[in-house]
Amino acid sequence: MRYRFICAPVSGNGGTETVVVAVVNHLAELNKNVDLFLTLEPENRSWLTKINSNVNIVHFTAHTKIEKLFYLNRIFYSTSNDDRLIILGANIIKLAYFYRKILKKKWKIYSWIHYSLYNQNLFNPKNILYADMHLAISTSIKKQLIELGEPEKKIRLIFNPISKYKGEKNIPDNTSVLRVVYVGKIMLTGQKNLIELFNAVKNYKGKIHIDLFGADTTNGEIFNFLKNEDLIKFCTFHKWTDDPWKKIITKIHPNCLVLTSKYEGLPMVMLEALSRGIPCIVADFYGSRDIINSQNGVIYKSRNTNDFVNKLEYVNSKSYNSESIARSINKFYEKEYFERLDKILGI
């Protein structure tokens, strides 16, 4: 038996890559045969160096749709009856289903989607229903699958794993300035929707500073917006770094992390912050309530600047306990996660 992961296009900088590395390494350490197929060469390849050498990584270097189809055809043709296909892309799931029918094979198809099924234009959600079993990374994705007509018995709520952070927890800045961090793609609108953060900064009455870590995908749009709104003085851009948390913990000492996304699956950046004792202020996207509770942060109403500002003021006035914050996500730490995964896969 082989566990064959087919990875939808990834940049190399996101939370999905972190989860994939953890899972394939876990299976490799159990002496399982593991393949990882990339359907697009990632911009950043450094995450691949973290993968166990026993994992067979197959790169896709073609550029046209026809070449990609032939690439996927080779994967399906070489898959044996007792193999498991664990697929991160909905359209590939549908293709795998029909190939299995044509080839008269019996391999199992698992969906493992890392985005909300709604409020996105990446895929047709109904294509996911061609899978035999679903690994749902959040209760909202499980709910969405049920709403699409999938029986609950075919869905396994798995969440995402995170390594237990063993270093010193965050000690927040005790000055009068509210220190806020953002880690992720720099997008004014679109999925990451940072315009909501900047609008809140404009309306916040106290002193505030935002540190942003991530690749800017706006071609100067963000900087022009901030200059026009006279907000650039409140912001520091750190670009992308492989380990933003070291600088965040030792140099910035934030009061909170913010996430303004319109949609997410189960954001790893939130878990990484919470494991280090950093409370979060997040938008009310699907999946946020799996993580946020009274011990570790607050949820604000999307498109409601007044509510966002109120939440910033609330976090600034509250004394969070960093150890309690870290304990609040126990179900996401690797030990409990891999126990669930092994049970689901029958290991």
Protein backbone atom coordinates (compact mmCIF):
# COMPACT_ATOMS: atom_id res chain seq x y z
CA MET A 1 0.00 0.00 0.00
CA ARG A 2 1.16 3.52 -0.87
CA TYR A 3 -0.14 6.84 0.42
CA ARG A 4 -0.14 9.08 -2.63
CA PHE A 5 -0.64 12.79 -1.96
CA ILE A 6 -1.56 14.96 -4.95
CA CYS A 7 -0.89 18.56 -3.97
CA ALA A 8 -2.82 21.41 -5.56
CA PRO A 9 -0.72 24.47 -6.57
CA VAL A 10 1.01 26.05 -3.56
CA SER A 11 3.40 28.98 -3.26
CA GLY A 12 5.73 27.29 -0.78
CA ASN A 13 5.11 29.92 1.91
CA GLY A 14 1.72 28.96 3.32
CA GLY A 15 0.15 26.93 6.10
CA THR A 16 -0.90 24.13 3.75
CA GLU A 17 2.74 23.31 3.07
CA THR A 18 3.44 23.16 6.82
CA VAL A 19 0.65 20.62 7.30
CA VAL A 20 1.66 18.51 4.29
CA VAL A 21 5.24 18.29 5.59
CA ALA A 22 4.05 17.19 9.05
CA VAL A 23 1.70 14.50 7.70
CA VAL A 24 3.97 12.93 5.07
CA ASN A 25 6.87 12.90 7.54
CA HIS A 26 4.69 11.19 10.15
CA LEU A 27 3.75 8.43 7.69
CA ALA A 28 7.35 8.05 6.55
CA GLU A 29 8.50 7.67 10.17
CA LEU A 30 5.97 4.82 10.48
CA ASN A 31 7.76 3.18 7.52
CA LYS A 32 4.82 3.74 5.19
CA ASN A 33 5.36 4.19 1.45
CA VAL A 34 4.59 7.82 0.67
CA ASP A 35 4.49 9.74 -2.62
CA LEU A 36 4.05 13.50 -2.91
CA PHE A 37 3.04 14.74 -6.37
CA LEU A 38 3.28 18.48 -7.04
CA THR A 39 0.95 19.79 -9.75
CA LEU A 40 2.82 23.08 -10.03
CA GLU A 41 6.42 23.97 -9.24
CA PRO A 42 6.26 26.17 -6.09
CA GLU A 43 7.85 29.63 -6.07
CA ASN A 44 9.58 28.82 -2.79
CA ARG A 45 11.07 25.30 -2.61
CA SER A 46 12.59 25.54 0.88
CA TRP A 47 9.64 23.68 2.47
CA LEU A 48 10.50 20.61 0.40
CA THR A 49 13.88 20.33 2.15
CA LYS A 50 12.00 19.63 5.42
CA ILE A 51 10.44 16.46 4.03
CA ASN A 52 11.74 13.04 5.11
CA SER A 53 14.15 11.61 2.52
CA ASN A 54 12.05 8.43 2.37
CA VAL A 55 9.15 10.38 0.83
CA ASN A 56 9.12 10.15 -2.97
CA ILE A 57 8.64 13.71 -4.27
CA VAL A 58 7.59 14.03 -7.91
CA HIS A 59 7.76 17.45 -9.56
CA PHE A 60 5.59 18.74 -12.38
CA THR A 61 7.55 20.89 -14.82
CA ALA A 62 5.12 21.10 -17.78
CA HIS A 63 3.16 24.26 -18.56
CA THR A 64 0.08 23.44 -20.63
CA LYS A 65 -3.20 21.86 -19.56
CA ILE A 66 -2.60 18.92 -21.89
CA GLU A 67 0.80 18.26 -20.32
CA LYS A 68 -0.74 18.44 -16.85
CA LEU A 69 -3.43 15.97 -17.92
CA PHE A 70 -0.77 13.52 -19.12
CA TYR A 71 1.10 14.00 -15.83
CA LEU A 72 -2.00 13.15 -13.80
CA ASN A 73 -2.73 10.24 -16.13
CA ARG A 74 0.66 8.73 -15.29
CA ILE A 75 -0.09 9.06 -11.57
CA PHE A 76 -3.47 7.35 -11.86
CA TYR A 77 -2.19 4.63 -14.18
CA SER A 78 0.59 3.70 -11.73
CA THR A 79 -1.76 3.60 -8.70
CA SER A 80 -2.48 0.11 -7.37
CA ASN A 81 -5.80 -1.17 -6.05
CA ASP A 82 -4.79 -1.00 -2.38
CA ASP A 83 -3.27 2.50 -2.58
CA ARG A 84 -4.81 5.62 -1.03
CA LEU A 85 -5.02 8.84 -3.04
CA ILE A 86 -5.16 11.86 -0.74
CA ILE A 87 -5.98 14.85 -2.93
CA LEU A 88 -5.81 18.55 -2.08
CA GLY A 89 -7.59 19.82 -5.19
CA ALA A 90 -11.32 19.39 -5.90
CA ASN A 91 -11.00 19.24 -9.70
CA ILE A 92 -8.33 16.53 -9.44
CA ILE A 93 -10.67 14.51 -7.22
CA LYS A 94 -13.29 14.47 -9.97
CA LEU A 95 -10.68 13.48 -12.55
CA ALA A 96 -9.36 10.69 -10.30
CA TYR A 97 -12.88 9.31 -9.90
CA PHE A 98 -13.43 8.99 -13.66
CA TYR A 99 -9.95 7.57 -14.29
CA ARG A 100 -10.62 4.93 -11.64
CA LYS A 101 -13.82 4.01 -13.44
CA ILE A 102 -12.12 3.81 -16.84
CA LEU A 103 -9.18 1.80 -15.50
CA LYS A 104 -11.50 -0.42 -13.39
CA LYS A 105 -9.34 0.12 -10.33
CA LYS A 106 -10.33 0.04 -6.64
CA TRP A 107 -8.04 2.56 -4.98
CA LYS A 108 -9.58 4.88 -2.41
CA ILE A 109 -9.90 8.63 -2.91
CA TYR A 110 -9.68 10.97 0.10
CA SER A 111 -10.40 14.68 -0.17
CA TRP A 112 -8.18 16.93 1.93
CA ILE A 113 -9.22 20.49 1.10
CA HIS A 114 -7.53 23.40 2.88
CA TYR A 115 -9.91 26.19 1.87
CA SER A 116 -13.50 27.01 2.67
CA LEU A 117 -15.69 25.38 0.03
CA TYR A 118 -17.77 28.56 -0.28
CA ASN A 119 -16.87 32.19 -1.06
CA GLN A 120 -14.04 31.21 -3.40
CA ASN A 121 -13.53 30.92 -7.15
CA LEU A 122 -10.86 28.24 -7.18
CA PHE A 123 -13.08 25.20 -7.82
CA ASN A 124 -16.61 23.85 -8.05
CA PRO A 125 -17.36 22.53 -4.52
CA LYS A 126 -19.49 19.70 -5.93
CA ASN A 127 -16.37 18.12 -7.45
CA ILE A 128 -15.29 17.17 -3.93
CA LEU A 129 -18.25 14.81 -3.66
CA TYR A 130 -16.50 12.34 -5.99
CA ALA A 131 -14.19 11.34 -3.10
CA ASP A 132 -14.84 8.18 -1.04
CA MET A 133 -13.92 9.88 2.23
CA HIS A 134 -13.29 13.44 3.36
CA LEU A 135 -10.65 14.70 5.77
CA ALA A 136 -12.31 17.91 7.01
CA ILE A 137 -9.89 20.37 8.57
CA SER A 138 -12.64 22.40 10.28
CA THR A 139 -16.21 22.00 11.51
CA SER A 140 -17.28 24.59 8.94
CA ILE A 141 -15.92 22.49 6.06
CA LYS A 142 -17.68 19.45 7.53
CA LYS A 143 -20.90 21.47 7.66
CA GLN A 144 -20.42 22.66 4.08
CA LEU A 145 -19.93 19.08 2.87
CA ILE A 146 -23.17 18.04 4.57
CA GLU A 147 -24.95 21.03 2.99
CA LEU A 148 -23.67 19.85 -0.41
CA GLY A 149 -25.41 16.52 0.23
CA GLU A 150 -22.58 14.34 1.54
CA PRO A 151 -23.60 11.88 4.29
CA GLU A 152 -21.89 12.55 7.61
CA LYS A 153 -20.52 8.98 7.74
CA LYS A 154 -18.16 9.85 4.87
CA ILE A 155 -16.64 12.84 6.70
CA ARG A 156 -13.88 12.71 9.30
CA LEU A 157 -13.14 15.87 11.28
CA ILE A 158 -9.34 15.93 11.43
CA PHE A 159 -8.34 19.63 11.99
CA ASN A 160 -4.67 20.51 11.34
CA PRO A 161 -1.52 19.61 13.30
CA ILE A 162 0.95 21.97 14.85
CA SER A 163 4.19 21.23 16.68
CA LYS A 164 4.08 22.11 20.34
CA TYR A 165 6.18 25.23 20.75
CA LYS A 166 8.80 24.67 23.47
CA GLY A 167 10.48 28.07 23.58
CA GLU A 168 9.76 31.13 25.68
CA LYS A 169 6.22 32.41 25.21
CA ASN A 170 5.44 35.91 24.01
CA ILE A 171 5.73 38.74 26.52
CA PRO A 172 3.50 41.55 25.17
CA ASP A 173 4.69 45.12 24.88
CA ASN A 174 3.75 47.03 28.01
CA THR A 175 4.08 50.50 26.48
CA SER A 176 1.12 52.65 25.48
CA VAL A 177 1.39 51.46 21.86
CA LEU A 178 -0.82 48.54 20.79
CA ARG A 179 1.55 46.26 18.82
CA VAL A 180 -0.27 44.20 16.20
CA VAL A 181 1.27 41.63 13.83
CA TYR A 182 0.03 40.17 10.57
CA VAL A 183 1.63 37.13 8.93
CA GLY A 184 0.54 36.10 5.43
CA LYS A 185 0.21 37.33 1.86
CA ILE A 186 -0.01 41.11 1.64
CA MET A 187 -3.31 41.76 -0.16
CA LEU A 188 -5.36 44.94 0.15
CA THR A 189 -8.59 43.26 -0.92
CA GLY A 190 -9.18 39.70 -2.16
CA GLN A 191 -8.95 36.79 0.25
CA LYS A 192 -6.66 38.41 2.85
CA ASN A 193 -8.67 41.66 2.83
CA LEU A 194 -6.16 43.83 4.71
CA ILE A 195 -8.15 46.96 3.93
CA GLU A 196 -10.27 46.09 6.99
CA LEU A 197 -7.20 46.25 9.22
CA PHE A 198 -6.11 49.60 7.79
CA ASN A 199 -9.61 51.06 8.13
CA ALA A 200 -9.61 49.97 11.78
CA VAL A 201 -6.20 51.58 12.33
CA LYS A 202 -7.54 54.84 10.87
CA ASN A 203 -10.39 54.83 13.39
CA TYR A 204 -8.46 53.58 16.43
CA LYS A 205 -8.13 56.39 18.99
CA GLY A 206 -5.08 55.10 20.86
CA LYS A 207 -1.48 54.56 19.75
CA ILE A 208 -1.04 51.58 17.43
CA HIS A 209 1.62 50.00 15.21
CA ILE A 210 1.25 47.18 12.69
CA ASP A 211 4.10 44.82 11.72
CA LEU A 212 3.34 42.91 8.51
CA PHE A 213 5.27 39.79 7.48
CA GLY A 214 4.66 38.37 4.01
CA ALA A 215 5.08 38.75 0.28
CA ASP A 216 3.43 41.82 -1.22
CA THR A 217 1.26 40.75 -4.16
CA THR A 218 -0.21 44.22 -4.83
CA ASN A 219 2.46 45.85 -7.05
CA GLY A 220 2.50 48.97 -4.89
CA GLU A 221 -1.25 49.19 -4.35
CA ILE A 222 -0.92 48.82 -0.57
CA PHE A 223 1.77 51.49 -0.25
CA ASN A 224 -0.20 53.96 -2.39
CA PHE A 225 -3.31 53.34 -0.32
CA LEU A 226 -1.46 53.82 2.97
CA LYS A 227 0.21 57.02 1.74
CA ASN A 228 -3.06 58.47 0.49
CA GLU A 229 -4.73 57.66 3.83
CA ASP A 230 -1.73 58.90 5.84
CA LEU A 231 -1.37 55.47 7.47
CA ILE A 232 2.12 54.45 6.33
CA LYS A 233 3.59 55.83 9.60
CA PHE A 234 1.69 53.16 11.53
CA CYS A 235 3.09 50.23 9.52
CA THR A 236 6.34 48.31 9.16
CA PHE A 237 6.70 45.82 6.29
CA HIS A 238 9.14 42.97 6.92
CA LYS A 239 8.64 41.09 3.62
CA TRP A 240 8.73 37.29 3.72
CA THR A 241 11.06 35.45 6.08
CA ASP A 242 11.35 31.72 6.75
CA ASP A 243 11.01 32.25 10.51
CA PRO A 244 8.97 35.38 11.24
CA TRP A 245 8.14 34.16 14.75
CA LYS A 246 11.69 34.53 16.06
CA LYS A 247 11.66 38.24 15.27
CA ILE A 248 8.06 38.61 16.45
CA ILE A 249 8.79 37.05 19.86
CA THR A 250 12.21 38.62 20.50
CA LYS A 251 11.89 42.04 18.89
CA ILE A 252 8.23 43.03 18.53
CA HIS A 253 6.49 41.53 21.59
CA PRO A 254 3.01 41.93 20.07
CA ASN A 255 -0.25 42.38 21.92
CA CYS A 256 -2.07 40.35 19.28
CA LEU A 257 -2.07 38.84 15.80
CA VAL A 258 -4.80 39.83 13.35
CA LEU A 259 -6.34 37.90 10.46
CA THR A 260 -8.82 39.75 8.25
CA SER A 261 -9.50 37.00 5.69
CA LYS A 262 -12.78 36.68 3.82
CA TYR A 263 -12.35 32.90 3.82
CA GLU A 264 -9.92 30.31 5.18
CA GLY A 265 -9.87 26.58 5.85
CA LEU A 266 -8.10 26.33 9.19
CA PRO A 267 -5.40 29.03 9.32
CA MET A 268 -2.07 27.67 10.52
CA VAL A 269 -0.84 31.18 11.27
CA MET A 270 -3.42 31.44 14.07
CA LEU A 271 -2.29 28.16 15.62
CA GLU A 272 1.37 29.18 15.34
CA ALA A 273 0.63 32.47 17.10
CA LEU A 274 -1.48 30.89 19.84
CA SER A 275 1.10 28.18 20.52
CA ARG A 276 3.51 31.03 21.32
CA GLY A 277 1.05 32.73 23.65
CA ILE A 278 -0.08 35.47 21.26
CA PRO A 279 -3.84 36.19 21.34
CA CYS A 280 -5.67 36.71 18.05
CA ILE A 281 -8.26 39.07 16.60
CA VAL A 282 -9.82 37.41 13.56
CA ALA A 283 -12.66 37.96 11.12
CA ASP A 284 -15.76 35.79 11.34
CA PHE A 285 -14.79 33.56 8.42
CA TYR A 286 -15.78 29.89 8.43
CA GLY A 287 -13.42 27.97 10.71
CA SER A 288 -12.45 30.76 13.10
CA ARG A 289 -14.67 29.40 15.89
CA ASP A 290 -12.82 26.07 15.85
CA ILE A 291 -9.85 27.93 17.30
CA ILE A 292 -10.86 31.16 19.05
CA ASN A 293 -12.37 31.11 22.54
CA SER A 294 -12.48 33.35 25.60
CA GLN A 295 -8.96 32.30 26.63
CA ASN A 296 -7.12 33.19 23.45
CA GLY A 297 -8.74 36.03 21.51
CA VAL A 298 -11.82 37.51 19.88
CA ILE A 299 -13.74 37.43 16.60
CA TYR A 300 -14.91 40.62 14.91
CA LYS A 301 -17.73 41.07 12.41
CA SER A 302 -16.43 41.34 8.83
CA ARG A 303 -17.13 44.65 7.08
CA ASN A 304 -17.80 46.26 10.47
CA THR A 305 -15.02 48.75 11.26
CA ASN A 306 -16.56 49.84 14.56
CA ASP A 307 -16.63 46.24 15.81
CA PHE A 308 -13.02 45.72 14.73
CA VAL A 309 -11.94 48.87 16.59
CA ASN A 310 -13.88 47.74 19.68
CA LYS A 311 -12.07 44.39 19.58
CA LEU A 312 -8.69 46.12 19.33
CA GLU A 313 -9.58 48.20 22.38
CA TYR A 314 -10.78 45.11 24.25
CA VAL A 315 -7.58 43.16 23.59
CA ASN A 316 -5.49 46.17 24.59
CA SER A 317 -7.29 46.35 27.94
CA LYS A 318 -7.26 42.62 28.71
CA SER A 319 -4.44 40.70 30.39
CA TYR A 320 -4.11 37.35 28.61
CA ASN A 321 -2.10 34.50 30.11
CA SER A 322 0.36 33.18 27.54
CA GLU A 323 0.42 29.65 29.01
CA SER A 324 -3.39 29.47 29.01
CA ILE A 325 -3.41 30.64 25.39
CA ALA A 326 -1.01 27.86 24.41
CA ARG A 327 -3.08 25.23 26.27
CA SER A 328 -6.29 26.41 24.59
CA ILE A 329 -5.31 24.62 21.35
CA ASN A 330 -4.33 21.23 22.80
CA LYS A 331 -6.48 19.33 20.26
CA PHE A 332 -4.35 20.72 17.43
CA TYR A 333 -0.97 19.59 18.76
CA GLU A 334 0.65 16.78 16.81
CA LYS A 335 0.22 14.01 19.40
CA GLU A 336 -3.58 14.23 19.42
CA TYR A 337 -3.76 14.98 15.70
CA PHE A 338 -1.75 11.95 14.61
CA GLU A 339 -3.79 9.69 16.88
CA ARG A 340 -6.89 10.85 14.96
CA LEU A 341 -5.18 10.52 11.58
CA ASP A 342 -3.89 7.00 12.25
CA LYS A 343 -7.33 5.88 13.34
CA ILE A 344 -8.95 7.33 10.21
CA LEU A 345 -6.40 5.71 7.89
CA GLY A 346 -6.55 2.42 9.78
CA ILE A 347 -2.86 2.44 10.70
